[in-house]
Amino acid sequence: MTVPVHFSESKHERIFPEPTSASDVDAQLIHPSAVFIRYNALARTFMSNRPLGDASHASLADFQVGREDAGVVIEKEAGEREGHRMASMAWLGVHSGRPVFVVIEETEREEQDTLLGVRGIFNIMPADEEATIMGHALVVAQFRLCHKFCSKCGSPSSPSLTGAHVACGACKHSQFPPTYPCVIMLVTCKDRAAGTDHALLIERRSLVHTHIAGFIDVVETPISAAVREVKEESGVDISAISGRGVRVLHDLIQPWPFSSSLMIPYHLCCDEIYSAPPATDPCLTEVLGALWLSKSDMALCLKGEGEYHMPGANSVARRMMEMWVAGDL
């Protein structure tokens, strides 16, 4: 059985029917065990309730606080109904019977310079339901911060009660959190003379060596995007590949909250290794170089003993590498 990738365990419940009125959301908000996760817009990360700089593991408990600690104020409104401030928070769903909210802070915090960044947080969280909840919170918080005004007429937008979308009070235009489809390719070739397998990797400007990936363009199929991206970033032409050489890794499809993407992984097998090294376009701003890396060398890099720096543990890119080295692909 394939171990789930990060952000793919979406078992936290979205109550059906979802809350549609203020009183419905109030019932979730005043729940005695409601959980609040704080996202600070200025620090662009989550507020933890313990230092995580040297931590090797993190869980939802490291970020959840009660209503009072999150600064959520419940006020009595007309009709003795409990009120709430949904403009600065969003309801995400229910986890283990507890309503979960993300609270969006836009004030400076004294400790924000010492907070662990979001990528660092997810690097020390296991690939389970709690990571999915945190990823969901990140996407919703970033969406709300970027869509305070209507993209159609420029008027202020109002968030929905559940945080799923925002709507313009003037022209009624609605905006929903987007998902951008991407392809990521494990391109492999066999050197039949030497009897060794190699994978095509690129070096990002972050100095990480990883698989080629990119967004699917409009009126473009996933495999067309894969061929184009490989050609653009490495100079390798795989347009002739077809049939058995193309495999979609369905079990590894991964929502990627940092860019609101859906990563669609491919394993593209070529007949033989290319004799010439890949040639990257010097005009490209994303790629420093490209190379064919042998399976044995990749195994060393994954252990931290090789020449190249590999992707983080929460990425589907690393999972693809690990499975290929282990012979599972």
C-alpha atoms as a PDB file:
ATOM      1  CA  MET A   1       0.000   0.000   0.000  1.00  0.00           C
ATOM      2  CA  THR A   2       1.350   3.428  -0.967  1.00  0.00           C
ATOM      3  CA  VAL A   3       2.034   5.700   1.993  1.00  0.00           C
ATOM      4  CA  PRO A   4       0.011   8.921   1.531  1.00  0.00           C
ATOM      5  CA  VAL A   5       1.845  12.045   0.461  1.00  0.00           C
ATOM      6  CA  HIS A   6       1.586  15.269   2.438  1.00  0.00           C
ATOM      7  CA  PHE A   7      -1.690  17.212   2.201  1.00  0.00           C
ATOM      8  CA  SER A   8      -3.584  14.293   0.606  1.00  0.00           C
ATOM      9  CA  GLU A   9      -5.250  12.947   3.767  1.00  0.00           C
ATOM     10  CA  SER A  10      -8.403  15.087   3.615  1.00  0.00           C
ATOM     11  CA  LYS A  11     -10.508  13.291   6.188  1.00  0.00           C
ATOM     12  CA  HIS A  12     -11.448  16.322   8.264  1.00  0.00           C
ATOM     13  CA  GLU A  13     -15.156  16.738   7.778  1.00  0.00           C
ATOM     14  CA  ARG A  14     -16.908  19.478   5.886  1.00  0.00           C
ATOM     15  CA  ILE A  15     -20.301  19.262   7.542  1.00  0.00           C
ATOM     16  CA  PHE A  16     -23.144  18.607   5.109  1.00  0.00           C
ATOM     17  CA  PRO A  17     -25.177  20.610   4.831  1.00  0.00           C
ATOM     18  CA  GLU A  18     -22.528  23.211   5.553  1.00  0.00           C
ATOM     19  CA  PRO A  19     -23.376  26.123   7.862  1.00  0.00           C
ATOM     20  CA  THR A  20     -25.259  28.682   5.817  1.00  0.00           C
ATOM     21  CA  SER A  21     -26.434  31.153   8.437  1.00  0.00           C
ATOM     22  CA  ALA A  22     -24.754  33.153  11.173  1.00  0.00           C
ATOM     23  CA  SER A  23     -26.397  31.037  13.843  1.00  0.00           C
ATOM     24  CA  ASP A  24     -25.101  27.829  12.202  1.00  0.00           C
ATOM     25  CA  VAL A  25     -21.546  29.129  12.320  1.00  0.00           C
ATOM     26  CA  ASP A  26     -22.058  30.454  15.839  1.00  0.00           C
ATOM     27  CA  ALA A  27     -22.843  26.925  16.961  1.00  0.00           C
ATOM     28  CA  GLN A  28     -19.434  25.851  15.668  1.00  0.00           C
ATOM     29  CA  LEU A  29     -17.682  28.944  17.011  1.00  0.00           C
ATOM     30  CA  ILE A  30     -18.926  28.592  20.583  1.00  0.00           C
ATOM     31  CA  HIS A  31     -18.343  24.852  20.698  1.00  0.00           C
ATOM     32  CA  PRO A  32     -16.460  24.225  23.973  1.00  0.00           C
ATOM     33  CA  SER A  33     -13.663  22.320  22.211  1.00  0.00           C
ATOM     34  CA  ALA A  34     -13.344  24.509  19.100  1.00  0.00           C
ATOM     35  CA  VAL A  35      -9.792  24.741  17.762  1.00  0.00           C
ATOM     36  CA  PHE A  36      -8.222  27.953  16.454  1.00  0.00           C
ATOM     37  CA  ILE A  37      -5.064  28.084  14.328  1.00  0.00           C
ATOM     38  CA  ARG A  38      -3.394  31.501  13.999  1.00  0.00           C
ATOM     39  CA  TYR A  39      -1.820  32.611  10.729  1.00  0.00           C
ATOM     40  CA  ASN A  40       0.189  35.829  10.861  1.00  0.00           C
ATOM     41  CA  ALA A  41       0.075  37.730   7.570  1.00  0.00           C
ATOM     42  CA  LEU A  42       3.183  39.808   8.281  1.00  0.00           C
ATOM     43  CA  ALA A  43       5.341  36.836   9.238  1.00  0.00           C
ATOM     44  CA  ARG A  44       3.630  34.734   6.560  1.00  0.00           C
ATOM     45  CA  THR A  45       3.540  31.696   8.811  1.00  0.00           C
ATOM     46  CA  PHE A  46       1.588  30.089  11.616  1.00  0.00           C
ATOM     47  CA  MET A  47       1.927  31.123  15.243  1.00  0.00           C
ATOM     48  CA  SER A  48       3.154  28.181  17.313  1.00  0.00           C
ATOM     49  CA  ASN A  49       2.643  27.801  21.033  1.00  0.00           C
ATOM     50  CA  ARG A  50       6.185  26.466  21.563  1.00  0.00           C
ATOM     51  CA  PRO A  51       9.554  27.216  19.917  1.00  0.00           C
ATOM     52  CA  LEU A  52      10.021  25.043  16.826  1.00  0.00           C
ATOM     53  CA  GLY A  53      13.413  26.259  15.609  1.00  0.00           C
ATOM     54  CA  ASP A  54      15.231  23.076  16.653  1.00  0.00           C
ATOM     55  CA  ALA A  55      12.214  20.760  16.718  1.00  0.00           C
ATOM     56  CA  SER A  56      12.243  17.506  14.750  1.00  0.00           C
ATOM     57  CA  HIS A  57       8.494  16.945  14.943  1.00  0.00           C
ATOM     58  CA  ALA A  58       5.356  19.077  15.031  1.00  0.00           C
ATOM     59  CA  SER A  59       1.629  18.379  15.222  1.00  0.00           C
ATOM     60  CA  LEU A  60      -1.624  20.301  15.168  1.00  0.00           C
ATOM     61  CA  ALA A  61      -1.421  20.619  18.958  1.00  0.00           C
ATOM     62  CA  ASP A  62       1.611  22.911  18.531  1.00  0.00           C
ATOM     63  CA  PHE A  63      -0.549  25.504  16.778  1.00  0.00           C
ATOM     64  CA  GLN A  64      -4.042  25.161  18.186  1.00  0.00           C
ATOM     65  CA  VAL A  65      -5.252  27.535  20.894  1.00  0.00           C
ATOM     66  CA  GLY A  66      -8.544  28.218  22.600  1.00  0.00           C
ATOM     67  CA  ARG A  67     -10.943  30.976  21.630  1.00  0.00           C
ATOM     68  CA  GLU A  68      -9.646  33.503  24.162  1.00  0.00           C
ATOM     69  CA  ASP A  69      -5.973  32.927  23.300  1.00  0.00           C
ATOM     70  CA  ALA A  70      -6.804  33.425  19.628  1.00  0.00           C
ATOM     71  CA  GLY A  71      -8.391  36.795  20.416  1.00  0.00           C
ATOM     72  CA  VAL A  72     -11.817  35.708  19.206  1.00  0.00           C
ATOM     73  CA  VAL A  73     -14.500  37.841  20.804  1.00  0.00           C
ATOM     74  CA  ILE A  74     -18.062  36.585  21.112  1.00  0.00           C
ATOM     75  CA  GLU A  75     -20.543  39.408  21.416  1.00  0.00           C
ATOM     76  CA  LYS A  76     -24.257  39.373  22.060  1.00  0.00           C
ATOM     77  CA  GLU A  77     -26.275  40.662  19.161  1.00  0.00           C
ATOM     78  CA  ALA A  78     -29.912  41.537  18.807  1.00  0.00           C
ATOM     79  CA  GLY A  79     -32.130  38.606  19.667  1.00  0.00           C
ATOM     80  CA  GLU A  80     -29.629  37.243  22.178  1.00  0.00           C
ATOM     81  CA  ARG A  81     -27.772  35.384  19.411  1.00  0.00           C
ATOM     82  CA  GLU A  82     -24.031  34.856  19.656  1.00  0.00           C
ATOM     83  CA  GLY A  83     -22.107  36.944  17.098  1.00  0.00           C
ATOM     84  CA  HIS A  84     -18.686  36.457  15.570  1.00  0.00           C
ATOM     85  CA  ARG A  85     -16.016  38.144  13.474  1.00  0.00           C
ATOM     86  CA  MET A  86     -15.752  36.017  10.354  1.00  0.00           C
ATOM     87  CA  ALA A  87     -13.876  38.800   8.561  1.00  0.00           C
ATOM     88  CA  SER A  88     -10.693  37.737  10.377  1.00  0.00           C
ATOM     89  CA  MET A  89     -11.230  33.981  10.489  1.00  0.00           C
ATOM     90  CA  ALA A  90     -12.529  31.078   8.449  1.00  0.00           C
ATOM     91  CA  TRP A  91     -14.183  27.816   9.385  1.00  0.00           C
ATOM     92  CA  LEU A  92     -12.303  24.823   7.950  1.00  0.00           C
ATOM     93  CA  GLY A  93     -14.345  21.850   9.101  1.00  0.00           C
ATOM     94  CA  VAL A  94     -14.407  19.370  11.978  1.00  0.00           C
ATOM     95  CA  HIS A  95     -11.484  17.273  13.203  1.00  0.00           C
ATOM     96  CA  SER A  96     -12.170  14.487  15.723  1.00  0.00           C
ATOM     97  CA  GLY A  97     -15.469  16.148  16.639  1.00  0.00           C
ATOM     98  CA  ARG A  98     -13.872  19.568  17.152  1.00  0.00           C
ATOM     99  CA  PRO A  99     -14.656  22.553  14.881  1.00  0.00           C
ATOM    100  CA  VAL A 100     -11.479  24.013  13.387  1.00  0.00           C
ATOM    101  CA  PHE A 101     -10.985  27.680  12.450  1.00  0.00           C
ATOM    102  CA  VAL A 102      -8.051  29.607  11.039  1.00  0.00           C
ATOM    103  CA  VAL A 103      -7.612  33.075  12.530  1.00  0.00           C
ATOM    104  CA  ILE A 104      -5.885  35.568  10.225  1.00  0.00           C
ATOM    105  CA  GLU A 105      -3.742  38.100  12.076  1.00  0.00           C
ATOM    106  CA  GLU A 106      -2.471  41.258  10.398  1.00  0.00           C
ATOM    107  CA  THR A 107      -0.670  42.753  13.373  1.00  0.00           C
ATOM    108  CA  GLU A 108       3.045  42.649  14.130  1.00  0.00           C
ATOM    109  CA  ARG A 109       4.169  40.211  16.789  1.00  0.00           C
ATOM    110  CA  GLU A 110       7.327  40.554  18.869  1.00  0.00           C
ATOM    111  CA  GLU A 111       8.206  36.904  18.306  1.00  0.00           C
ATOM    112  CA  GLN A 112       7.511  36.808  14.563  1.00  0.00           C
ATOM    113  CA  ASP A 113      11.203  36.988  13.614  1.00  0.00           C
ATOM    114  CA  THR A 114      11.830  33.731  15.473  1.00  0.00           C
ATOM    115  CA  LEU A 115       8.887  31.812  14.013  1.00  0.00           C
ATOM    116  CA  LEU A 116       9.484  28.797  11.818  1.00  0.00           C
ATOM    117  CA  GLY A 117       8.426  29.381   8.196  1.00  0.00           C
ATOM    118  CA  VAL A 118       5.565  27.399   6.692  1.00  0.00           C
ATOM    119  CA  ARG A 119       7.844  25.149   4.636  1.00  0.00           C
ATOM    120  CA  GLY A 120       9.889  24.396   7.731  1.00  0.00           C
ATOM    121  CA  ILE A 121       6.712  23.582   9.640  1.00  0.00           C
ATOM    122  CA  PHE A 122       5.501  21.081   7.083  1.00  0.00           C
ATOM    123  CA  ASN A 123       8.966  19.514   6.850  1.00  0.00           C
ATOM    124  CA  ILE A 124       8.611  18.325  10.455  1.00  0.00           C
ATOM    125  CA  MET A 125       4.952  17.307  10.282  1.00  0.00           C
ATOM    126  CA  PRO A 126       4.070  13.724   9.340  1.00  0.00           C
ATOM    127  CA  ALA A 127       2.017  13.085   6.194  1.00  0.00           C
ATOM    128  CA  ASP A 128      -1.283  12.705   7.994  1.00  0.00           C
ATOM    129  CA  GLU A 129      -4.638  14.397   8.414  1.00  0.00           C
ATOM    130  CA  GLU A 130      -3.211  17.146  10.618  1.00  0.00           C
ATOM    131  CA  ALA A 131      -0.821  18.271   7.866  1.00  0.00           C
ATOM    132  CA  THR A 132      -3.798  18.425   5.507  1.00  0.00           C
ATOM    133  CA  ILE A 133      -5.681  20.643   7.955  1.00  0.00           C
ATOM    134  CA  MET A 134      -2.698  22.982   8.225  1.00  0.00           C
ATOM    135  CA  GLY A 135      -2.352  23.029   4.448  1.00  0.00           C
ATOM    136  CA  HIS A 136      -6.054  23.860   4.146  1.00  0.00           C
ATOM    137  CA  ALA A 137      -5.624  26.679   6.664  1.00  0.00           C
ATOM    138  CA  LEU A 138      -2.684  28.082   4.690  1.00  0.00           C
ATOM    139  CA  VAL A 139      -4.583  28.128   1.384  1.00  0.00           C
ATOM    140  CA  VAL A 140      -7.679  29.752   2.884  1.00  0.00           C
ATOM    141  CA  ALA A 141      -5.669  32.373   4.798  1.00  0.00           C
ATOM    142  CA  GLN A 142      -3.636  33.353   1.738  1.00  0.00           C
ATOM    143  CA  PHE A 143      -6.750  33.448  -0.434  1.00  0.00           C
ATOM    144  CA  ARG A 144      -8.590  35.705   2.004  1.00  0.00           C
ATOM    145  CA  LEU A 145      -5.619  38.075   2.297  1.00  0.00           C
ATOM    146  CA  CYS A 146      -5.301  38.360  -1.495  1.00  0.00           C
ATOM    147  CA  HIS A 147      -9.006  38.835  -2.230  1.00  0.00           C
ATOM    148  CA  LYS A 148     -10.162  41.657   0.000  1.00  0.00           C
ATOM    149  CA  PHE A 149     -11.435  43.468  -3.069  1.00  0.00           C
ATOM    150  CA  CYS A 150     -13.494  42.313  -6.013  1.00  0.00           C
ATOM    151  CA  SER A 151     -11.417  41.405  -9.074  1.00  0.00           C
ATOM    152  CA  LYS A 152     -14.255  42.521 -11.324  1.00  0.00           C
ATOM    153  CA  CYS A 153     -15.257  45.965 -10.024  1.00  0.00           C
ATOM    154  CA  GLY A 154     -12.768  46.733  -7.247  1.00  0.00           C
ATOM    155  CA  SER A 155     -15.330  47.052  -4.453  1.00  0.00           C
ATOM    156  CA  PRO A 156     -14.646  45.483  -1.035  1.00  0.00           C
ATOM    157  CA  SER A 157     -15.389  41.762  -0.875  1.00  0.00           C
ATOM    158  CA  SER A 158     -17.064  39.996   2.000  1.00  0.00           C
ATOM    159  CA  PRO A 159     -16.034  36.483   3.050  1.00  0.00           C
ATOM    160  CA  SER A 160     -18.550  33.679   3.182  1.00  0.00           C
ATOM    161  CA  LEU A 161     -19.472  32.241   6.537  1.00  0.00           C
ATOM    162  CA  THR A 162     -17.418  29.102   5.910  1.00  0.00           C
ATOM    163  CA  GLY A 163     -14.428  30.813   4.313  1.00  0.00           C
ATOM    164  CA  ALA A 164     -14.793  28.924   1.037  1.00  0.00           C
ATOM    165  CA  HIS A 165     -15.292  32.026  -1.092  1.00  0.00           C
ATOM    166  CA  VAL A 166     -15.663  35.791  -1.022  1.00  0.00           C
ATOM    167  CA  ALA A 167     -18.436  37.793  -2.653  1.00  0.00           C
ATOM    168  CA  CYS A 168     -18.677  41.399  -3.784  1.00  0.00           C
ATOM    169  CA  GLY A 169     -21.472  43.375  -2.165  1.00  0.00           C
ATOM    170  CA  ALA A 170     -21.663  45.719  -5.163  1.00  0.00           C
ATOM    171  CA  CYS A 171     -21.678  43.503  -8.275  1.00  0.00           C
ATOM    172  CA  LYS A 172     -22.279  40.148  -6.500  1.00  0.00           C
ATOM    173  CA  HIS A 173     -19.252  38.580  -8.185  1.00  0.00           C
ATOM    174  CA  SER A 174     -17.955  35.551  -6.262  1.00  0.00           C
ATOM    175  CA  GLN A 175     -14.353  34.365  -6.053  1.00  0.00           C
ATOM    176  CA  PHE A 176     -13.300  30.914  -4.881  1.00  0.00           C
ATOM    177  CA  PRO A 177      -9.881  29.600  -3.801  1.00  0.00           C
ATOM    178  CA  PRO A 178      -8.229  28.469  -7.047  1.00  0.00           C
ATOM    179  CA  THR A 179      -6.415  25.218  -7.738  1.00  0.00           C
ATOM    180  CA  TYR A 180      -3.737  25.312 -10.426  1.00  0.00           C
ATOM    181  CA  PRO A 181      -2.922  21.953 -12.072  1.00  0.00           C
ATOM    182  CA  CYS A 182       0.776  21.142 -12.462  1.00  0.00           C
ATOM    183  CA  VAL A 183       2.801  18.266 -13.814  1.00  0.00           C
ATOM    184  CA  ILE A 184       5.969  16.908 -12.243  1.00  0.00           C
ATOM    185  CA  MET A 185       8.079  14.412 -14.146  1.00  0.00           C
ATOM    186  CA  LEU A 186      10.423  11.622 -13.134  1.00  0.00           C
ATOM    187  CA  VAL A 187      12.245  11.173 -16.458  1.00  0.00           C
ATOM    188  CA  THR A 188      14.403   8.042 -16.447  1.00  0.00           C
ATOM    189  CA  CYS A 189      16.637   6.328 -18.985  1.00  0.00           C
ATOM    190  CA  LYS A 190      18.657   3.133 -18.989  1.00  0.00           C
ATOM    191  CA  ASP A 191      22.269   3.040 -20.051  1.00  0.00           C
ATOM    192  CA  ARG A 192      22.166  -0.420 -21.612  1.00  0.00           C
ATOM    193  CA  ALA A 193      25.925  -0.635 -22.049  1.00  0.00           C
ATOM    194  CA  ALA A 194      26.606   0.031 -18.370  1.00  0.00           C
ATOM    195  CA  GLY A 195      23.379  -1.549 -17.117  1.00  0.00           C
ATOM    196  CA  THR A 196      22.536   1.458 -14.959  1.00  0.00           C
ATOM    197  CA  ASP A 197      19.459   3.624 -14.604  1.00  0.00           C
ATOM    198  CA  HIS A 198      19.566   7.407 -14.592  1.00  0.00           C
ATOM    199  CA  ALA A 199      17.051  10.154 -13.783  1.00  0.00           C
ATOM    200  CA  LEU A 200      16.902  13.643 -15.236  1.00  0.00           C
ATOM    201  CA  LEU A 201      17.188  16.347 -12.572  1.00  0.00           C
ATOM    202  CA  ILE A 202      17.430  20.122 -12.649  1.00  0.00           C
ATOM    203  CA  GLU A 203      19.063  22.481 -10.172  1.00  0.00           C
ATOM    204  CA  ARG A 204      16.750  25.220  -8.955  1.00  0.00           C
ATOM    205  CA  ARG A 205      18.030  28.599  -7.824  1.00  0.00           C
ATOM    206  CA  SER A 206      17.392  27.368  -4.290  1.00  0.00           C
ATOM    207  CA  LEU A 207      20.279  24.920  -5.055  1.00  0.00           C
ATOM    208  CA  VAL A 208      17.913  21.957  -4.710  1.00  0.00           C
ATOM    209  CA  HIS A 209      18.191  19.239  -7.357  1.00  0.00           C
ATOM    210  CA  THR A 210      14.729  17.991  -8.232  1.00  0.00           C
ATOM    211  CA  HIS A 211      12.412  16.807 -10.988  1.00  0.00           C
ATOM    212  CA  ILE A 212      11.182  19.097 -13.712  1.00  0.00           C
ATOM    213  CA  ALA A 213       7.718  20.502 -12.979  1.00  0.00           C
ATOM    214  CA  GLY A 214       5.459  23.219 -14.266  1.00  0.00           C
ATOM    215  CA  PHE A 215       1.936  24.542 -14.612  1.00  0.00           C
ATOM    216  CA  ILE A 216      -0.372  23.173 -17.273  1.00  0.00           C
ATOM    217  CA  ASP A 217      -1.067  25.981 -19.711  1.00  0.00           C
ATOM    218  CA  VAL A 218      -4.503  26.850 -21.080  1.00  0.00           C
ATOM    219  CA  VAL A 219      -5.765  24.466 -23.817  1.00  0.00           C
ATOM    220  CA  GLU A 220      -2.906  22.080 -22.958  1.00  0.00           C
ATOM    221  CA  THR A 221      -3.098  18.453 -21.869  1.00  0.00           C
ATOM    222  CA  PRO A 222      -1.000  17.200 -18.948  1.00  0.00           C
ATOM    223  CA  ILE A 223       1.294  15.106 -21.158  1.00  0.00           C
ATOM    224  CA  SER A 224       1.762  18.030 -23.574  1.00  0.00           C
ATOM    225  CA  ALA A 225       2.753  20.200 -20.615  1.00  0.00           C
ATOM    226  CA  ALA A 226       5.183  17.514 -19.474  1.00  0.00           C
ATOM    227  CA  VAL A 227       6.907  17.349 -22.869  1.00  0.00           C
ATOM    228  CA  ARG A 228       7.086  21.151 -23.100  1.00  0.00           C
ATOM    229  CA  GLU A 229       8.470  21.637 -19.586  1.00  0.00           C
ATOM    230  CA  VAL A 230      11.174  18.990 -20.047  1.00  0.00           C
ATOM    231  CA  LYS A 231      12.261  20.610 -23.306  1.00  0.00           C
ATOM    232  CA  GLU A 232      12.223  24.133 -21.844  1.00  0.00           C
ATOM    233  CA  GLU A 233      14.115  23.378 -18.648  1.00  0.00           C
ATOM    234  CA  SER A 234      16.606  20.716 -19.783  1.00  0.00           C
ATOM    235  CA  GLY A 235      16.759  20.832 -23.562  1.00  0.00           C
ATOM    236  CA  VAL A 236      15.800  17.135 -23.680  1.00  0.00           C
ATOM    237  CA  ASP A 237      13.159  16.275 -26.287  1.00  0.00           C
ATOM    238  CA  ILE A 238      10.852  13.477 -25.123  1.00  0.00           C
ATOM    239  CA  SER A 239       8.072  14.183 -27.610  1.00  0.00           C
ATOM    240  CA  ALA A 240       8.467  10.712 -29.157  1.00  0.00           C
ATOM    241  CA  ILE A 241       7.708   8.954 -25.877  1.00  0.00           C
ATOM    242  CA  SER A 242       4.391   7.107 -25.806  1.00  0.00           C
ATOM    243  CA  GLY A 243       2.598   3.995 -24.668  1.00  0.00           C
ATOM    244  CA  ARG A 244       4.404   2.026 -21.998  1.00  0.00           C
ATOM    245  CA  GLY A 245       6.856   4.844 -21.464  1.00  0.00           C
ATOM    246  CA  VAL A 246       4.195   7.098 -19.933  1.00  0.00           C
ATOM    247  CA  ARG A 247       2.778   6.369 -16.510  1.00  0.00           C
ATOM    248  CA  VAL A 248       0.644   8.613 -14.315  1.00  0.00           C
ATOM    249  CA  LEU A 249       1.388   7.999 -10.632  1.00  0.00           C
ATOM    250  CA  HIS A 250      -2.197   8.342  -9.427  1.00  0.00           C
ATOM    251  CA  ASP A 251      -1.438   7.399  -5.811  1.00  0.00           C
ATOM    252  CA  LEU A 252       1.057  10.267  -5.549  1.00  0.00           C
ATOM    253  CA  ILE A 253      -1.151  13.112  -6.824  1.00  0.00           C
ATOM    254  CA  GLN A 254      -0.580  15.864  -4.274  1.00  0.00           C
ATOM    255  CA  PRO A 255      -2.331  19.105  -3.359  1.00  0.00           C
ATOM    256  CA  TRP A 256       0.473  21.638  -2.845  1.00  0.00           C
ATOM    257  CA  PRO A 257      -0.760  24.496  -0.630  1.00  0.00           C
ATOM    258  CA  PHE A 258       2.237  26.806  -1.082  1.00  0.00           C
ATOM    259  CA  SER A 259       1.126  27.672  -4.611  1.00  0.00           C
ATOM    260  CA  SER A 260      -2.462  26.350  -4.465  1.00  0.00           C
ATOM    261  CA  SER A 261      -1.419  23.695  -6.963  1.00  0.00           C
ATOM    262  CA  LEU A 262      -2.426  20.125  -7.692  1.00  0.00           C
ATOM    263  CA  MET A 263       0.723  18.174  -8.538  1.00  0.00           C
ATOM    264  CA  ILE A 264       0.153  15.424 -11.128  1.00  0.00           C
ATOM    265  CA  PRO A 265       3.217  13.146 -11.149  1.00  0.00           C
ATOM    266  CA  TYR A 266       4.423  11.263 -14.233  1.00  0.00           C
ATOM    267  CA  HIS A 267       7.057   8.600 -14.684  1.00  0.00           C
ATOM    268  CA  LEU A 268       8.436   8.953 -18.214  1.00  0.00           C
ATOM    269  CA  CYS A 269      10.738   6.095 -19.264  1.00  0.00           C
ATOM    270  CA  CYS A 270      13.067   6.641 -22.226  1.00  0.00           C
ATOM    271  CA  ASP A 271      14.719   3.787 -24.114  1.00  0.00           C
ATOM    272  CA  GLU A 272      18.308   4.745 -23.358  1.00  0.00           C
ATOM    273  CA  ILE A 273      20.286   7.448 -21.637  1.00  0.00           C
ATOM    274  CA  TYR A 274      21.171  10.433 -23.754  1.00  0.00           C
ATOM    275  CA  SER A 275      24.877  10.532 -24.602  1.00  0.00           C
ATOM    276  CA  ALA A 276      25.074  14.312 -24.310  1.00  0.00           C
ATOM    277  CA  PRO A 277      24.394  16.112 -21.022  1.00  0.00           C
ATOM    278  CA  PRO A 278      21.188  18.166 -20.858  1.00  0.00           C
ATOM    279  CA  ALA A 279      21.562  21.764 -22.059  1.00  0.00           C
ATOM    280  CA  THR A 280      19.581  24.408 -20.210  1.00  0.00           C
ATOM    281  CA  ASP A 281      18.629  27.728 -21.706  1.00  0.00           C
ATOM    282  CA  PRO A 282      20.827  30.441 -20.115  1.00  0.00           C
ATOM    283  CA  CYS A 283      17.877  32.833 -20.409  1.00  0.00           C
ATOM    284  CA  LEU A 284      15.841  30.788 -17.963  1.00  0.00           C
ATOM    285  CA  THR A 285      15.573  32.357 -14.523  1.00  0.00           C
ATOM    286  CA  GLU A 286      14.430  29.259 -12.620  1.00  0.00           C
ATOM    287  CA  VAL A 287      17.049  26.673 -13.561  1.00  0.00           C
ATOM    288  CA  LEU A 288      20.797  26.727 -12.911  1.00  0.00           C
ATOM    289  CA  GLY A 289      21.562  23.465 -14.647  1.00  0.00           C
ATOM    290  CA  ALA A 290      20.443  19.925 -15.456  1.00  0.00           C
ATOM    291  CA  LEU A 291      22.046  16.489 -15.246  1.00  0.00           C
ATOM    292  CA  TRP A 292      21.456  12.752 -15.485  1.00  0.00           C
ATOM    293  CA  LEU A 293      21.897  11.235 -12.017  1.00  0.00           C
ATOM    294  CA  SER A 294      22.394   7.505 -11.536  1.00  0.00           C
ATOM    295  CA  LYS A 295      20.150   5.569  -9.187  1.00  0.00           C
ATOM    296  CA  SER A 296      23.072   4.721  -6.895  1.00  0.00           C
ATOM    297  CA  ASP A 297      24.143   8.362  -6.662  1.00  0.00           C
ATOM    298  CA  MET A 298      20.576   9.433  -5.943  1.00  0.00           C
ATOM    299  CA  ALA A 299      20.387   6.896  -3.120  1.00  0.00           C
ATOM    300  CA  LEU A 300      23.445   8.507  -1.519  1.00  0.00           C
ATOM    301  CA  CYS A 301      21.974  12.016  -1.942  1.00  0.00           C
ATOM    302  CA  LEU A 302      18.728  10.957  -0.278  1.00  0.00           C
ATOM    303  CA  LYS A 303      20.778   9.824   2.722  1.00  0.00           C
ATOM    304  CA  GLY A 304      22.549  13.186   2.813  1.00  0.00           C
ATOM    305  CA  GLU A 305      25.823  11.589   1.749  1.00  0.00           C
ATOM    306  CA  GLY A 306      25.886  12.661  -1.887  1.00  0.00           C
ATOM    307  CA  GLU A 307      26.924  15.719  -3.818  1.00  0.00           C
ATOM    308  CA  TYR A 308      23.474  17.195  -4.379  1.00  0.00           C
ATOM    309  CA  HIS A 309      20.747  18.566  -2.122  1.00  0.00           C
ATOM    310  CA  MET A 310      17.426  16.737  -2.539  1.00  0.00           C
ATOM    311  CA  PRO A 311      13.832  18.059  -2.103  1.00  0.00           C
ATOM    312  CA  GLY A 312      12.135  18.270   1.303  1.00  0.00           C
ATOM    313  CA  ALA A 313      10.444  15.296   2.939  1.00  0.00           C
ATOM    314  CA  ASN A 314       6.947  16.722   2.448  1.00  0.00           C
ATOM    315  CA  SER A 315       7.205  16.949  -1.331  1.00  0.00           C
ATOM    316  CA  VAL A 316       5.981  14.468  -3.911  1.00  0.00           C
ATOM    317  CA  ALA A 317       9.298  15.052  -5.694  1.00  0.00           C
ATOM    318  CA  ARG A 318      11.213  13.349  -2.892  1.00  0.00           C
ATOM    319  CA  ARG A 319       8.625  10.557  -2.625  1.00  0.00           C
ATOM    320  CA  MET A 320       9.108   9.825  -6.335  1.00  0.00           C
ATOM    321  CA  MET A 321      12.867   9.666  -5.833  1.00  0.00           C
ATOM    322  CA  GLU A 322      12.560   7.336  -2.850  1.00  0.00           C
ATOM    323  CA  MET A 323      10.209   4.978  -4.666  1.00  0.00           C
ATOM    324  CA  TRP A 324      12.388   4.889  -7.786  1.00  0.00           C
ATOM    325  CA  VAL A 325      15.547   4.153  -5.787  1.00  0.00           C
ATOM    326  CA  ALA A 326      13.686   1.426  -3.873  1.00  0.00           C
ATOM    327  CA  GLY A 327      12.529  -0.199  -7.109  1.00  0.00           C
ATOM    328  CA  ASP A 328       8.858   0.597  -6.498  1.00  0.00           C
ATOM    329  CA  LEU A 329       8.513   2.498  -9.794  1.00  0.00           C
END
